[in-house]
Amino acid sequence: MHERVHEASMESRGDVRIDYGIALRSLSLGLIGKADVMEFHRQPDQEEKI
């Protein structure tokens, strides 16, 4: 799985979306960074938005 973290890509597995190479920024803290992998879990009361 770690081989894909440096590519900006996405995949879905059921109710889980997995994003790779996510740029992060906090204007209030003056920080920038990059997350290797983030998982987003769909909540039962939410519709998928593209």
C-alpha atoms as a PDB file:
ATOM      1  CA  MET A   1       0.000   0.000   0.000  1.00  0.00           C
ATOM      2  CA  HIS A   2       2.837   2.432   0.778  1.00  0.00           C
ATOM      3  CA  GLU A   3       4.029   2.367  -2.856  1.00  0.00           C
ATOM      4  CA  ARG A   4       0.971   4.474  -3.825  1.00  0.00           C
ATOM      5  CA  VAL A   5       1.303   7.225  -1.214  1.00  0.00           C
ATOM      6  CA  HIS A   6       3.370   9.518  -3.420  1.00  0.00           C
ATOM      7  CA  GLU A   7       0.775   9.488  -6.198  1.00  0.00           C
ATOM      8  CA  ALA A   8      -2.269  11.733  -6.031  1.00  0.00           C
ATOM      9  CA  SER A   9      -4.963   9.104  -6.498  1.00  0.00           C
ATOM     10  CA  MET A  10      -8.158   7.726  -4.997  1.00  0.00           C
ATOM     11  CA  GLU A  11      -9.935   4.393  -4.651  1.00  0.00           C
ATOM     12  CA  SER A  12     -13.185   3.194  -3.118  1.00  0.00           C
ATOM     13  CA  ARG A  13     -13.867   0.065  -1.105  1.00  0.00           C
ATOM     14  CA  GLY A  14     -17.508  -0.194  -0.160  1.00  0.00           C
ATOM     15  CA  ASP A  15     -18.358   2.721   2.121  1.00  0.00           C
ATOM     16  CA  VAL A  16     -14.703   3.780   2.439  1.00  0.00           C
ATOM     17  CA  ARG A  17     -12.904   6.194   0.099  1.00  0.00           C
ATOM     18  CA  ILE A  18      -9.111   6.104   0.287  1.00  0.00           C
ATOM     19  CA  ASP A  19      -7.172   9.122  -0.980  1.00  0.00           C
ATOM     20  CA  TYR A  20      -3.397   9.186  -1.441  1.00  0.00           C
ATOM     21  CA  GLY A  21      -1.049  12.178  -1.497  1.00  0.00           C
ATOM     22  CA  ILE A  22      -3.388  14.795   0.005  1.00  0.00           C
ATOM     23  CA  ALA A  23      -2.012  18.325   0.344  1.00  0.00           C
ATOM     24  CA  LEU A  24      -2.871  19.948   3.698  1.00  0.00           C
ATOM     25  CA  ARG A  25      -2.735  23.602   4.752  1.00  0.00           C
ATOM     26  CA  SER A  26      -3.621  25.680   7.809  1.00  0.00           C
ATOM     27  CA  LEU A  27      -3.755  29.398   7.125  1.00  0.00           C
ATOM     28  CA  SER A  28      -4.318  30.208  10.788  1.00  0.00           C
ATOM     29  CA  LEU A  29      -1.254  28.216  11.913  1.00  0.00           C
ATOM     30  CA  GLY A  30       0.867  28.968   8.854  1.00  0.00           C
ATOM     31  CA  LEU A  31       1.537  25.278   8.182  1.00  0.00           C
ATOM     32  CA  ILE A  32       1.605  23.185   5.027  1.00  0.00           C
ATOM     33  CA  GLY A  33       2.089  19.447   4.660  1.00  0.00           C
ATOM     34  CA  LYS A  34       1.052  16.294   2.892  1.00  0.00           C
ATOM     35  CA  ALA A  35      -0.850  13.263   4.151  1.00  0.00           C
ATOM     36  CA  ASP A  36       0.259   9.960   2.669  1.00  0.00           C
ATOM     37  CA  VAL A  37      -3.127   8.253   3.089  1.00  0.00           C
ATOM     38  CA  MET A  38      -6.549   9.416   4.297  1.00  0.00           C
ATOM     39  CA  GLU A  39      -9.667   7.292   4.717  1.00  0.00           C
ATOM     40  CA  PHE A  40     -13.144   8.791   4.490  1.00  0.00           C
ATOM     41  CA  HIS A  41     -15.967   6.642   5.885  1.00  0.00           C
ATOM     42  CA  ARG A  42     -19.474   7.292   4.606  1.00  0.00           C
ATOM     43  CA  GLN A  43     -21.986   7.922   7.365  1.00  0.00           C
ATOM     44  CA  PRO A  44     -25.394   6.215   7.073  1.00  0.00           C
ATOM     45  CA  ASP A  45     -27.239   9.557   6.790  1.00  0.00           C
ATOM     46  CA  GLN A  46     -24.951  11.079   4.100  1.00  0.00           C
ATOM     47  CA  GLU A  47     -25.211  10.906   0.325  1.00  0.00           C
ATOM     48  CA  GLU A  48     -22.082  10.598  -1.795  1.00  0.00           C
ATOM     49  CA  LYS A  49     -21.025  13.891  -3.414  1.00  0.00           C
ATOM     50  CA  ILE A  50     -18.576  13.971  -6.275  1.00  0.00           C
END
